[in-house]
Amino acid sequence: MSNTIKYLPNLFLILTITYFSSCKTEPKEEPKVEKKRVAVPKFDKMSAYNFIQKQVDFGPRVMNSEGHEACKKWLVETFKGFGAEVIEQDFTAKLYTGETAPATNIIAQFNPDHPRRVLLGAHWDTRHIADHDPDPKNYNTNILGADDAGSGVGVLLEIARLIKENPIDLGVDMVLFDAEDYGNESEEGVDNTLTWCLGSQHWAKNLHRTPYKPRFGILLDMVGAKGAEFRKEGTSMRYAKNVMNKVWNMAKGMGYGQFFIDEVVSGAIDDHLFVNEYAKIKMIDIIYKRDSGFGDHWHTVKDDMSIIDPKTLKAAGQVTTAVIYNESGGMFMD
């Protein structure tokens, strides 16, 4: 993630993106839903924490590494163990260095034939360099990425476990995007936007099989750090303001207002941007972000388990869980 090119307030001005009509599929008409209250299961923060620890135990999950391959196999088997139908969407990532690397988007579908669907996402790869570390000697060090991106994946795995134990009357597509964090930092007068989020770019142009388009989506990125605050990120507000406001209002009503701050900050070039642009799915980003940047651990060797706070995971995870279970009863999006 780049602090200068990945996060800009006027993203549409720097993007020249063509959405290929051949990738579109006409969604079927959704049936009307009788609104009803649905019990929301309790999100287990320590379970999510342990899922992050497991990822970190594989080491850095950089493409072409043993840790990347081992973690992929574990993620696929874990989702299958929770009853999901799993698609491994392999592709070749063309990196800004001129090299290529094998990459895989991991798609876990719950109730794949359900006509009403939502999309949950996170990226599962980690940064190949600690380019924001205060010690220049660490610059070329792979980072463990406990928060970026282990936390988002950990939250989704816990929600998957909850769905297995508490069946939901809703289609849920969880997508773990690969090759998100191998982007090139900006240079003066150079637009490196498309060097980031290669997995979501590929997925959004090559949507996995489903007869029904998700009604909306939530991306989880850096949702586990101590002291994290989730503000209304600008790209989300541009494309999916209604979804963003509903999620933040729900969070406040649930008592998580100290985490979900009612303040708009500059936009992020993150996976949700390409989901919105290419796939035309309204997707928001729950992300630890300020106009001035991120926490001190971001893209440094300090992004390890010591930065993870189960209380932060609980806030992000419980709110996301409440969103999808309320949506299953027709009580979230009108």
C-alpha atoms as a PDB file:
ATOM      1  CA  MET A   1       0.000   0.000   0.000  1.00  0.00           C
ATOM      2  CA  SER A   2       1.374   3.343  -0.997  1.00  0.00           C
ATOM      3  CA  ASN A   3       0.842   6.369   1.197  1.00  0.00           C
ATOM      4  CA  THR A   4       1.168   8.713  -1.773  1.00  0.00           C
ATOM      5  CA  ILE A   5      -0.349   6.995  -4.776  1.00  0.00           C
ATOM      6  CA  LYS A   6      -2.627   4.463  -3.147  1.00  0.00           C
ATOM      7  CA  TYR A   7      -4.507   7.057  -1.136  1.00  0.00           C
ATOM      8  CA  LEU A   8      -5.743  10.136  -2.990  1.00  0.00           C
ATOM      9  CA  PRO A   9      -8.931  12.226  -2.570  1.00  0.00           C
ATOM     10  CA  ASN A  10      -9.948  12.429  -6.235  1.00  0.00           C
ATOM     11  CA  LEU A  11      -9.384   8.931  -7.534  1.00  0.00           C
ATOM     12  CA  PHE A  12     -11.632   9.078 -10.558  1.00  0.00           C
ATOM     13  CA  LEU A  13      -9.514  11.872 -12.001  1.00  0.00           C
ATOM     14  CA  ILE A  14      -6.399   9.699 -12.108  1.00  0.00           C
ATOM     15  CA  LEU A  15      -8.033   6.479 -13.321  1.00  0.00           C
ATOM     16  CA  THR A  16      -8.711   5.676 -16.961  1.00  0.00           C
ATOM     17  CA  ILE A  17     -10.441   2.360 -16.514  1.00  0.00           C
ATOM     18  CA  THR A  18     -12.450   0.547 -19.176  1.00  0.00           C
ATOM     19  CA  TYR A  19     -15.061  -1.904 -18.012  1.00  0.00           C
ATOM     20  CA  PHE A  20     -15.377  -4.644 -20.595  1.00  0.00           C
ATOM     21  CA  SER A  21     -18.998  -5.440 -21.304  1.00  0.00           C
ATOM     22  CA  SER A  22     -18.057  -9.035 -22.083  1.00  0.00           C
ATOM     23  CA  CYS A  23     -17.396  -9.528 -18.358  1.00  0.00           C
ATOM     24  CA  LYS A  24     -20.876  -8.453 -17.372  1.00  0.00           C
ATOM     25  CA  THR A  25     -23.625 -10.891 -16.536  1.00  0.00           C
ATOM     26  CA  GLU A  26     -27.209  -9.814 -16.332  1.00  0.00           C
ATOM     27  CA  PRO A  27     -28.396 -10.469 -12.755  1.00  0.00           C
ATOM     28  CA  LYS A  28     -31.636 -12.291 -12.218  1.00  0.00           C
ATOM     29  CA  GLU A  29     -34.472 -10.557 -10.437  1.00  0.00           C
ATOM     30  CA  GLU A  30     -34.373 -10.979  -6.683  1.00  0.00           C
ATOM     31  CA  PRO A  31     -37.451 -12.248  -4.853  1.00  0.00           C
ATOM     32  CA  LYS A  32     -39.097  -9.945  -2.345  1.00  0.00           C
ATOM     33  CA  VAL A  33     -38.202 -10.665   1.266  1.00  0.00           C
ATOM     34  CA  GLU A  34     -40.537 -10.439   4.228  1.00  0.00           C
ATOM     35  CA  LYS A  35     -38.691  -8.432   6.855  1.00  0.00           C
ATOM     36  CA  LYS A  36     -37.998 -10.229  10.106  1.00  0.00           C
ATOM     37  CA  ARG A  37     -35.660 -10.005  13.055  1.00  0.00           C
ATOM     38  CA  VAL A  38     -32.798 -12.506  12.927  1.00  0.00           C
ATOM     39  CA  ALA A  39     -30.572 -13.455  15.832  1.00  0.00           C
ATOM     40  CA  VAL A  40     -27.006 -12.238  15.320  1.00  0.00           C
ATOM     41  CA  PRO A  41     -24.382 -14.698  16.580  1.00  0.00           C
ATOM     42  CA  LYS A  42     -21.610 -13.528  18.878  1.00  0.00           C
ATOM     43  CA  PHE A  43     -18.316 -12.833  17.134  1.00  0.00           C
ATOM     44  CA  ASP A  44     -15.463 -14.568  18.987  1.00  0.00           C
ATOM     45  CA  LYS A  45     -12.550 -12.125  19.047  1.00  0.00           C
ATOM     46  CA  MET A  46     -10.060 -14.712  20.308  1.00  0.00           C
ATOM     47  CA  SER A  47     -10.992 -17.119  17.553  1.00  0.00           C
ATOM     48  CA  ALA A  48     -10.291 -14.361  15.013  1.00  0.00           C
ATOM     49  CA  TYR A  49      -7.027 -13.598  16.824  1.00  0.00           C
ATOM     50  CA  ASN A  50      -5.975 -17.234  16.547  1.00  0.00           C
ATOM     51  CA  PHE A  51      -6.751 -17.250  12.823  1.00  0.00           C
ATOM     52  CA  ILE A  52      -4.359 -14.309  12.441  1.00  0.00           C
ATOM     53  CA  GLN A  53      -1.703 -16.086  14.494  1.00  0.00           C
ATOM     54  CA  LYS A  54      -1.985 -19.101  12.201  1.00  0.00           C
ATOM     55  CA  GLN A  55      -1.341 -16.931   9.135  1.00  0.00           C
ATOM     56  CA  VAL A  56       1.639 -15.242  10.763  1.00  0.00           C
ATOM     57  CA  ASP A  57       3.045 -18.654  11.669  1.00  0.00           C
ATOM     58  CA  PHE A  58       3.467 -19.289   7.921  1.00  0.00           C
ATOM     59  CA  GLY A  59       5.754 -16.262   7.765  1.00  0.00           C
ATOM     60  CA  PRO A  60       5.413 -13.558   5.103  1.00  0.00           C
ATOM     61  CA  ARG A  61       2.808 -14.495   2.477  1.00  0.00           C
ATOM     62  CA  VAL A  62       4.593 -12.930  -0.472  1.00  0.00           C
ATOM     63  CA  MET A  63       3.982 -14.466  -3.887  1.00  0.00           C
ATOM     64  CA  ASN A  64       6.503 -17.104  -4.952  1.00  0.00           C
ATOM     65  CA  SER A  65       7.289 -17.927  -1.315  1.00  0.00           C
ATOM     66  CA  GLU A  66       6.798 -21.133   0.643  1.00  0.00           C
ATOM     67  CA  GLY A  67       4.712 -19.248   3.190  1.00  0.00           C
ATOM     68  CA  HIS A  68       2.359 -18.022   0.473  1.00  0.00           C
ATOM     69  CA  GLU A  69       1.776 -21.507  -0.907  1.00  0.00           C
ATOM     70  CA  ALA A  70       1.353 -23.137   2.513  1.00  0.00           C
ATOM     71  CA  CYS A  71      -1.057 -20.455   3.700  1.00  0.00           C
ATOM     72  CA  LYS A  72      -3.123 -20.803   0.534  1.00  0.00           C
ATOM     73  CA  LYS A  73      -3.601 -24.516   1.124  1.00  0.00           C
ATOM     74  CA  TRP A  74      -4.583 -23.895   4.742  1.00  0.00           C
ATOM     75  CA  LEU A  75      -7.080 -21.159   3.819  1.00  0.00           C
ATOM     76  CA  VAL A  76      -8.750 -23.343   1.198  1.00  0.00           C
ATOM     77  CA  GLU A  77      -9.055 -26.312   3.551  1.00  0.00           C
ATOM     78  CA  THR A  78     -10.271 -24.137   6.425  1.00  0.00           C
ATOM     79  CA  PHE A  79     -13.066 -22.631   4.330  1.00  0.00           C
ATOM     80  CA  LYS A  80     -14.045 -26.084   3.088  1.00  0.00           C
ATOM     81  CA  GLY A  81     -14.134 -27.270   6.691  1.00  0.00           C
ATOM     82  CA  PHE A  82     -16.653 -24.520   7.410  1.00  0.00           C
ATOM     83  CA  GLY A  83     -18.919 -25.800   4.640  1.00  0.00           C
ATOM     84  CA  ALA A  84     -18.062 -23.325   1.902  1.00  0.00           C
ATOM     85  CA  GLU A  85     -17.771 -24.156  -1.768  1.00  0.00           C
ATOM     86  CA  VAL A  86     -14.287 -22.935  -2.647  1.00  0.00           C
ATOM     87  CA  ILE A  87     -12.997 -21.692  -5.981  1.00  0.00           C
ATOM     88  CA  GLU A  88      -9.285 -21.139  -6.494  1.00  0.00           C
ATOM     89  CA  GLN A  89      -9.057 -18.429  -9.144  1.00  0.00           C
ATOM     90  CA  ASP A  90      -5.495 -18.697 -10.406  1.00  0.00           C
ATOM     91  CA  PHE A  91      -3.940 -15.930 -12.482  1.00  0.00           C
ATOM     92  CA  THR A  92      -0.542 -14.534 -13.392  1.00  0.00           C
ATOM     93  CA  ALA A  93       0.286 -11.296 -11.612  1.00  0.00           C
ATOM     94  CA  LYS A  94       2.279  -8.885 -13.769  1.00  0.00           C
ATOM     95  CA  LEU A  95       4.376  -6.964 -11.261  1.00  0.00           C
ATOM     96  CA  TYR A  96       5.673  -3.415 -11.551  1.00  0.00           C
ATOM     97  CA  THR A  97       9.212  -4.830 -11.553  1.00  0.00           C
ATOM     98  CA  GLY A  98       8.579  -6.433 -14.949  1.00  0.00           C
ATOM     99  CA  GLU A  99       8.422  -9.885 -13.382  1.00  0.00           C
ATOM    100  CA  THR A 100       5.434 -12.191 -13.151  1.00  0.00           C
ATOM    101  CA  ALA A 101       4.239 -14.352 -10.272  1.00  0.00           C
ATOM    102  CA  PRO A 102       1.565 -17.024  -9.853  1.00  0.00           C
ATOM    103  CA  ALA A 103      -1.309 -15.740  -7.731  1.00  0.00           C
ATOM    104  CA  THR A 104      -4.654 -17.038  -6.498  1.00  0.00           C
ATOM    105  CA  ASN A 105      -7.875 -15.374  -5.430  1.00  0.00           C
ATOM    106  CA  ILE A 106      -9.617 -17.640  -2.921  1.00  0.00           C
ATOM    107  CA  ILE A 107     -13.409 -17.519  -3.246  1.00  0.00           C
ATOM    108  CA  ALA A 108     -15.541 -19.145  -0.545  1.00  0.00           C
ATOM    109  CA  GLN A 109     -19.251 -19.326  -1.305  1.00  0.00           C
ATOM    110  CA  PHE A 110     -21.959 -19.983   1.266  1.00  0.00           C
ATOM    111  CA  ASN A 111     -25.384 -20.846  -0.161  1.00  0.00           C
ATOM    112  CA  PRO A 112     -24.061 -20.399  -3.730  1.00  0.00           C
ATOM    113  CA  ASP A 113     -27.523 -20.662  -5.328  1.00  0.00           C
ATOM    114  CA  HIS A 114     -29.262 -18.215  -2.983  1.00  0.00           C
ATOM    115  CA  PRO A 115     -30.835 -15.330  -4.954  1.00  0.00           C
ATOM    116  CA  ARG A 116     -29.913 -12.657  -2.383  1.00  0.00           C
ATOM    117  CA  ARG A 117     -26.149 -12.255  -1.946  1.00  0.00           C
ATOM    118  CA  VAL A 118     -23.545 -10.084  -0.267  1.00  0.00           C
ATOM    119  CA  LEU A 119     -19.805  -9.854  -0.844  1.00  0.00           C
ATOM    120  CA  LEU A 120     -17.145  -9.811   1.888  1.00  0.00           C
ATOM    121  CA  GLY A 121     -13.503  -9.324   0.993  1.00  0.00           C
ATOM    122  CA  ALA A 122      -9.938  -8.982   2.282  1.00  0.00           C
ATOM    123  CA  HIS A 123      -6.500  -9.449   0.773  1.00  0.00           C
ATOM    124  CA  TRP A 124      -4.348 -12.312   1.989  1.00  0.00           C
ATOM    125  CA  ASP A 125      -0.901 -11.495   0.587  1.00  0.00           C
ATOM    126  CA  THR A 126       1.679  -9.427   2.489  1.00  0.00           C
ATOM    127  CA  ARG A 127       4.025  -6.597   1.505  1.00  0.00           C
ATOM    128  CA  HIS A 128       7.338  -7.715  -0.003  1.00  0.00           C
ATOM    129  CA  ILE A 129       9.314  -4.803   1.448  1.00  0.00           C
ATOM    130  CA  ALA A 130       9.232  -2.829   4.695  1.00  0.00           C
ATOM    131  CA  ASP A 131       9.495   0.412   2.768  1.00  0.00           C
ATOM    132  CA  HIS A 132       8.122   2.581   5.593  1.00  0.00           C
ATOM    133  CA  ASP A 133      10.294   1.127   8.337  1.00  0.00           C
ATOM    134  CA  PRO A 134      12.225   3.803  10.266  1.00  0.00           C
ATOM    135  CA  ASP A 135      15.383   1.697   9.953  1.00  0.00           C
ATOM    136  CA  PRO A 136      16.653   1.751   6.329  1.00  0.00           C
ATOM    137  CA  LYS A 137      18.323  -1.613   6.921  1.00  0.00           C
ATOM    138  CA  ASN A 138      14.863  -3.202   7.043  1.00  0.00           C
ATOM    139  CA  TYR A 139      13.676  -1.746   3.731  1.00  0.00           C
ATOM    140  CA  ASN A 140      14.074  -4.967   1.728  1.00  0.00           C
ATOM    141  CA  THR A 141      12.611  -7.180   4.457  1.00  0.00           C
ATOM    142  CA  ASN A 142       9.364  -9.099   3.874  1.00  0.00           C
ATOM    143  CA  ILE A 143       6.841  -8.173   6.559  1.00  0.00           C
ATOM    144  CA  LEU A 144       4.718 -10.594   8.584  1.00  0.00           C
ATOM    145  CA  GLY A 145       1.558  -8.580   7.971  1.00  0.00           C
ATOM    146  CA  ALA A 146      -0.429  -9.478  11.072  1.00  0.00           C
ATOM    147  CA  ASP A 147      -2.664  -6.453  10.560  1.00  0.00           C
ATOM    148  CA  ASP A 148      -2.052  -5.921   6.837  1.00  0.00           C
ATOM    149  CA  ALA A 149      -3.523  -8.345   5.769  1.00  0.00           C
ATOM    150  CA  GLY A 150      -3.905 -11.008   8.450  1.00  0.00           C
ATOM    151  CA  SER A 151      -6.583  -9.159  10.408  1.00  0.00           C
ATOM    152  CA  GLY A 152      -9.137  -8.912   7.600  1.00  0.00           C
ATOM    153  CA  VAL A 153      -8.679 -12.576   6.734  1.00  0.00           C
ATOM    154  CA  GLY A 154      -8.967 -13.555  10.389  1.00  0.00           C
ATOM    155  CA  VAL A 155     -12.277 -11.722  10.723  1.00  0.00           C
ATOM    156  CA  LEU A 156     -13.678 -13.410   7.598  1.00  0.00           C
ATOM    157  CA  LEU A 157     -12.604 -16.848   8.788  1.00  0.00           C
ATOM    158  CA  GLU A 158     -14.389 -16.284  12.087  1.00  0.00           C
ATOM    159  CA  ILE A 159     -17.537 -15.157  10.256  1.00  0.00           C
ATOM    160  CA  ALA A 160     -17.288 -18.295   8.106  1.00  0.00           C
ATOM    161  CA  ARG A 161     -17.145 -20.382  11.274  1.00  0.00           C
ATOM    162  CA  LEU A 162     -20.204 -18.575  12.610  1.00  0.00           C
ATOM    163  CA  ILE A 163     -22.135 -19.243   9.404  1.00  0.00           C
ATOM    164  CA  LYS A 164     -21.414 -22.957   9.730  1.00  0.00           C
ATOM    165  CA  GLU A 165     -22.725 -22.978  13.297  1.00  0.00           C
ATOM    166  CA  ASN A 166     -25.557 -20.492  12.644  1.00  0.00           C
ATOM    167  CA  PRO A 167     -26.920 -21.124   9.120  1.00  0.00           C
ATOM    168  CA  ILE A 168     -27.842 -17.915   7.335  1.00  0.00           C
ATOM    169  CA  ASP A 169     -30.686 -17.343   4.877  1.00  0.00           C
ATOM    170  CA  LEU A 170     -28.450 -15.408   2.503  1.00  0.00           C
ATOM    171  CA  GLY A 171     -25.807 -16.032  -0.099  1.00  0.00           C
ATOM    172  CA  VAL A 172     -22.382 -14.913   1.143  1.00  0.00           C
ATOM    173  CA  ASP A 173     -19.382 -14.698  -1.158  1.00  0.00           C
ATOM    174  CA  MET A 174     -16.067 -14.255   0.646  1.00  0.00           C
ATOM    175  CA  VAL A 175     -13.171 -13.322  -1.618  1.00  0.00           C
ATOM    176  CA  LEU A 176      -9.574 -13.275  -0.420  1.00  0.00           C
ATOM    177  CA  PHE A 177      -7.723 -11.198  -3.009  1.00  0.00           C
ATOM    178  CA  ASP A 178      -4.109 -12.006  -3.811  1.00  0.00           C
ATOM    179  CA  ALA A 179      -1.377  -9.667  -5.124  1.00  0.00           C
ATOM    180  CA  GLU A 180      -2.881  -6.606  -3.459  1.00  0.00           C
ATOM    181  CA  ASP A 181       0.229  -5.306  -1.755  1.00  0.00           C
ATOM    182  CA  TYR A 182       2.939  -5.642  -4.420  1.00  0.00           C
ATOM    183  CA  GLY A 183       2.363  -2.133  -5.765  1.00  0.00           C
ATOM    184  CA  ASN A 184       4.862   0.550  -6.618  1.00  0.00           C
ATOM    185  CA  GLU A 185       5.149   3.704  -4.539  1.00  0.00           C
ATOM    186  CA  SER A 186       4.356   6.879  -6.471  1.00  0.00           C
ATOM    187  CA  GLU A 187       6.895   9.068  -8.093  1.00  0.00           C
ATOM    188  CA  GLU A 188       6.479  12.695  -9.000  1.00  0.00           C
ATOM    189  CA  GLY A 189       4.161  12.896 -12.004  1.00  0.00           C
ATOM    190  CA  VAL A 190       3.773   9.099 -12.284  1.00  0.00           C
ATOM    191  CA  ASP A 191       0.465   7.304 -11.779  1.00  0.00           C
ATOM    192  CA  ASN A 192       1.154   3.852 -10.306  1.00  0.00           C
ATOM    193  CA  THR A 193      -2.449   3.139  -9.357  1.00  0.00           C
ATOM    194  CA  LEU A 194      -2.805   0.014 -11.456  1.00  0.00           C
ATOM    195  CA  THR A 195       0.282  -1.615  -9.933  1.00  0.00           C
ATOM    196  CA  TRP A 196      -1.754  -2.244  -6.765  1.00  0.00           C
ATOM    197  CA  CYS A 197      -4.650  -4.648  -6.108  1.00  0.00           C
ATOM    198  CA  LEU A 198      -3.883  -7.011  -8.982  1.00  0.00           C
ATOM    199  CA  GLY A 199      -6.092  -9.750  -7.539  1.00  0.00           C
ATOM    200  CA  SER A 200      -9.206  -7.611  -7.269  1.00  0.00           C
ATOM    201  CA  GLN A 201      -8.587  -6.194 -10.729  1.00  0.00           C
ATOM    202  CA  HIS A 202      -8.519  -9.738 -12.105  1.00  0.00           C
ATOM    203  CA  TRP A 203     -11.519 -10.914 -10.084  1.00  0.00           C
ATOM    204  CA  ALA A 204     -13.681  -7.935 -10.995  1.00  0.00           C
ATOM    205  CA  LYS A 205     -13.031  -8.521 -14.710  1.00  0.00           C
ATOM    206  CA  ASN A 206     -13.542 -12.291 -14.375  1.00  0.00           C
ATOM    207  CA  LEU A 207     -16.383 -12.732 -11.908  1.00  0.00           C
ATOM    208  CA  HIS A 208     -16.731 -16.184 -10.413  1.00  0.00           C
ATOM    209  CA  ARG A 209     -19.756 -18.251 -11.258  1.00  0.00           C
ATOM    210  CA  THR A 210     -22.972 -17.072  -9.648  1.00  0.00           C
ATOM    211  CA  PRO A 211     -26.375 -16.348 -11.187  1.00  0.00           C
ATOM    212  CA  TYR A 212     -27.002 -13.449  -8.806  1.00  0.00           C
ATOM    213  CA  LYS A 213     -24.986 -10.295  -8.326  1.00  0.00           C
ATOM    214  CA  PRO A 214     -24.151  -9.327  -4.716  1.00  0.00           C
ATOM    215  CA  ARG A 215     -26.311  -6.479  -3.457  1.00  0.00           C
ATOM    216  CA  PHE A 216     -23.317  -4.785  -1.823  1.00  0.00           C
ATOM    217  CA  GLY A 217     -19.913  -5.594  -0.417  1.00  0.00           C
ATOM    218  CA  ILE A 218     -17.650  -4.912   2.568  1.00  0.00           C
ATOM    219  CA  LEU A 219     -13.858  -4.988   2.363  1.00  0.00           C
ATOM    220  CA  LEU A 220     -11.857  -5.451   5.574  1.00  0.00           C
ATOM    221  CA  ASP A 221      -8.298  -4.103   5.533  1.00  0.00           C
ATOM    222  CA  MET A 222      -6.178  -3.398   8.619  1.00  0.00           C
ATOM    223  CA  VAL A 223      -8.935  -4.017  11.162  1.00  0.00           C
ATOM    224  CA  GLY A 224      -6.953  -5.405  14.103  1.00  0.00           C
ATOM    225  CA  ALA A 225      -4.485  -2.864  15.446  1.00  0.00           C
ATOM    226  CA  LYS A 226      -4.422  -1.368  18.909  1.00  0.00           C
ATOM    227  CA  GLY A 227      -5.984   2.068  18.861  1.00  0.00           C
ATOM    228  CA  ALA A 228      -7.402   1.656  15.349  1.00  0.00           C
ATOM    229  CA  GLU A 229     -10.242   3.929  14.299  1.00  0.00           C
ATOM    230  CA  PHE A 230     -12.365   3.346  11.219  1.00  0.00           C
ATOM    231  CA  ARG A 231     -13.341   6.538   9.439  1.00  0.00           C
ATOM    232  CA  LYS A 232     -15.556   6.962   6.398  1.00  0.00           C
ATOM    233  CA  GLU A 233     -13.035   6.384   3.643  1.00  0.00           C
ATOM    234  CA  GLY A 234     -13.522   8.601   0.600  1.00  0.00           C
ATOM    235  CA  THR A 235     -13.671   5.985  -2.173  1.00  0.00           C
ATOM    236  CA  SER A 236     -16.420   4.168  -0.292  1.00  0.00           C
ATOM    237  CA  MET A 237     -18.335   7.408   0.129  1.00  0.00           C
ATOM    238  CA  ARG A 238     -17.999   8.146  -3.583  1.00  0.00           C
ATOM    239  CA  TYR A 239     -19.349   4.804  -4.783  1.00  0.00           C
ATOM    240  CA  ALA A 240     -21.437   3.418  -1.909  1.00  0.00           C
ATOM    241  CA  LYS A 241     -22.338   6.265   0.443  1.00  0.00           C
ATOM    242  CA  ASN A 242     -25.655   4.712   1.424  1.00  0.00           C
ATOM    243  CA  VAL A 243     -24.029   1.418   2.429  1.00  0.00           C
ATOM    244  CA  MET A 244     -21.267   3.240   4.313  1.00  0.00           C
ATOM    245  CA  ASN A 245     -23.680   5.371   6.311  1.00  0.00           C
ATOM    246  CA  LYS A 246     -25.873   2.384   7.181  1.00  0.00           C
ATOM    247  CA  VAL A 247     -22.894   0.385   8.466  1.00  0.00           C
ATOM    248  CA  TRP A 248     -21.588   3.284  10.551  1.00  0.00           C
ATOM    249  CA  ASN A 249     -25.060   3.966  11.978  1.00  0.00           C
ATOM    250  CA  MET A 250     -25.416   0.307  12.900  1.00  0.00           C
ATOM    251  CA  ALA A 251     -21.989   0.323  14.549  1.00  0.00           C
ATOM    252  CA  LYS A 252     -22.929   3.359  16.624  1.00  0.00           C
ATOM    253  CA  GLY A 253     -26.197   1.731  17.664  1.00  0.00           C
ATOM    254  CA  MET A 254     -24.295  -1.383  18.742  1.00  0.00           C
ATOM    255  CA  GLY A 255     -21.982   0.626  20.989  1.00  0.00           C
ATOM    256  CA  TYR A 256     -18.930   0.682  18.719  1.00  0.00           C
ATOM    257  CA  GLY A 257     -18.948   4.397  18.006  1.00  0.00           C
ATOM    258  CA  GLN A 258     -15.460   4.784  19.493  1.00  0.00           C
ATOM    259  CA  PHE A 259     -14.144   2.602  16.640  1.00  0.00           C
ATOM    260  CA  PHE A 260     -16.416   3.732  13.792  1.00  0.00           C
ATOM    261  CA  ILE A 261     -15.770   7.468  13.596  1.00  0.00           C
ATOM    262  CA  ASP A 262     -18.264   9.681  11.760  1.00  0.00           C
ATOM    263  CA  GLU A 263     -15.611  11.554   9.804  1.00  0.00           C
ATOM    264  CA  VAL A 264     -14.812  11.404   6.083  1.00  0.00           C
ATOM    265  CA  VAL A 265     -11.156  10.975   5.112  1.00  0.00           C
ATOM    266  CA  SER A 266      -9.387  10.850   1.759  1.00  0.00           C
ATOM    267  CA  GLY A 267     -10.055   7.946  -0.553  1.00  0.00           C
ATOM    268  CA  ALA A 268      -8.098   4.704  -0.731  1.00  0.00           C
ATOM    269  CA  ILE A 269      -6.896   2.888  -3.806  1.00  0.00           C
ATOM    270  CA  ASP A 270      -7.760  -0.469  -2.327  1.00  0.00           C
ATOM    271  CA  ASP A 271      -9.471  -3.624  -3.605  1.00  0.00           C
ATOM    272  CA  HIS A 272     -12.947  -2.107  -3.315  1.00  0.00           C
ATOM    273  CA  LEU A 273     -12.072   0.554  -5.900  1.00  0.00           C
ATOM    274  CA  PHE A 274     -11.779  -2.024  -8.661  1.00  0.00           C
ATOM    275  CA  VAL A 275     -14.804  -3.967  -7.458  1.00  0.00           C
ATOM    276  CA  ASN A 276     -16.812  -0.759  -7.767  1.00  0.00           C
ATOM    277  CA  GLU A 277     -15.271   0.300 -11.093  1.00  0.00           C
ATOM    278  CA  TYR A 278     -15.088  -2.996 -12.954  1.00  0.00           C
ATOM    279  CA  ALA A 279     -17.735  -5.232 -11.384  1.00  0.00           C
ATOM    280  CA  LYS A 280     -20.169  -2.403 -10.554  1.00  0.00           C
ATOM    281  CA  ILE A 281     -20.779  -3.811  -7.070  1.00  0.00           C
ATOM    282  CA  LYS A 282     -21.197  -1.189  -4.350  1.00  0.00           C
ATOM    283  CA  MET A 283     -18.417  -2.103  -1.945  1.00  0.00           C
ATOM    284  CA  ILE A 284     -17.153  -0.152   1.058  1.00  0.00           C
ATOM    285  CA  ASP A 285     -13.845  -0.394   2.889  1.00  0.00           C
ATOM    286  CA  ILE A 286     -13.556  -0.750   6.665  1.00  0.00           C
ATOM    287  CA  ILE A 287      -9.951   0.333   7.107  1.00  0.00           C
ATOM    288  CA  TYR A 288      -7.695   1.938   9.695  1.00  0.00           C
ATOM    289  CA  LYS A 289      -6.947   5.195   7.919  1.00  0.00           C
ATOM    290  CA  ARG A 290      -6.441   8.870   8.579  1.00  0.00           C
ATOM    291  CA  ASP A 291      -5.789  11.710   6.146  1.00  0.00           C
ATOM    292  CA  SER A 292      -2.223  11.767   7.458  1.00  0.00           C
ATOM    293  CA  GLY A 293      -1.668   8.054   6.854  1.00  0.00           C
ATOM    294  CA  PHE A 294      -1.773   4.945   9.035  1.00  0.00           C
ATOM    295  CA  GLY A 295      -0.425   3.497  12.240  1.00  0.00           C
ATOM    296  CA  ASP A 296       3.292   3.400  12.914  1.00  0.00           C
ATOM    297  CA  HIS A 297       3.363  -0.333  12.151  1.00  0.00           C
ATOM    298  CA  TRP A 298       2.178   0.072   8.556  1.00  0.00           C
ATOM    299  CA  HIS A 299       4.615  -1.448   6.039  1.00  0.00           C
ATOM    300  CA  THR A 300       7.226  -1.959   8.720  1.00  0.00           C
ATOM    301  CA  VAL A 301       8.663  -4.979  10.498  1.00  0.00           C
ATOM    302  CA  LYS A 302       6.538  -3.996  13.497  1.00  0.00           C
ATOM    303  CA  ASP A 303       3.424  -5.361  11.793  1.00  0.00           C
ATOM    304  CA  ASP A 304       3.428  -8.528  13.871  1.00  0.00           C
ATOM    305  CA  MET A 305       1.140 -10.082  16.489  1.00  0.00           C
ATOM    306  CA  SER A 306       2.177  -7.532  19.108  1.00  0.00           C
ATOM    307  CA  ILE A 307       0.118  -4.893  17.278  1.00  0.00           C
ATOM    308  CA  ILE A 308      -3.116  -6.930  17.232  1.00  0.00           C
ATOM    309  CA  ASP A 309      -5.846  -6.084  19.759  1.00  0.00           C
ATOM    310  CA  PRO A 310      -8.783  -8.511  20.093  1.00  0.00           C
ATOM    311  CA  LYS A 311     -11.027  -5.567  21.036  1.00  0.00           C
ATOM    312  CA  THR A 312     -10.495  -4.007  17.627  1.00  0.00           C
ATOM    313  CA  LEU A 313     -11.185  -7.333  15.929  1.00  0.00           C
ATOM    314  CA  LYS A 314     -14.399  -7.615  17.939  1.00  0.00           C
ATOM    315  CA  ALA A 315     -15.635  -4.218  16.762  1.00  0.00           C
ATOM    316  CA  ALA A 316     -14.973  -4.849  13.073  1.00  0.00           C
ATOM    317  CA  GLY A 317     -16.128  -8.461  13.211  1.00  0.00           C
ATOM    318  CA  GLN A 318     -19.300  -8.036  15.250  1.00  0.00           C
ATOM    319  CA  VAL A 319     -20.510  -5.122  13.125  1.00  0.00           C
ATOM    320  CA  THR A 320     -19.863  -7.013   9.868  1.00  0.00           C
ATOM    321  CA  THR A 321     -21.604 -10.086  11.281  1.00  0.00           C
ATOM    322  CA  ALA A 322     -24.603  -7.962  12.292  1.00  0.00           C
ATOM    323  CA  VAL A 323     -24.783  -6.475   8.807  1.00  0.00           C
ATOM    324  CA  ILE A 324     -25.066  -9.801   7.011  1.00  0.00           C
ATOM    325  CA  TYR A 325     -27.470 -11.425   9.475  1.00  0.00           C
ATOM    326  CA  ASN A 326     -29.705  -8.361   9.434  1.00  0.00           C
ATOM    327  CA  GLU A 327     -29.529  -8.423   5.652  1.00  0.00           C
ATOM    328  CA  SER A 328     -30.675 -12.053   5.697  1.00  0.00           C
ATOM    329  CA  GLY A 329     -33.871 -10.878   7.368  1.00  0.00           C
ATOM    330  CA  GLY A 330     -34.294  -7.931   5.028  1.00  0.00           C
ATOM    331  CA  MET A 331     -33.495  -5.511   7.842  1.00  0.00           C
ATOM    332  CA  PHE A 332     -30.336  -3.836   6.502  1.00  0.00           C
ATOM    333  CA  MET A 333     -30.631  -2.631   2.897  1.00  0.00           C
ATOM    334  CA  ASP A 334     -34.072  -1.455   1.853  1.00  0.00           C
END
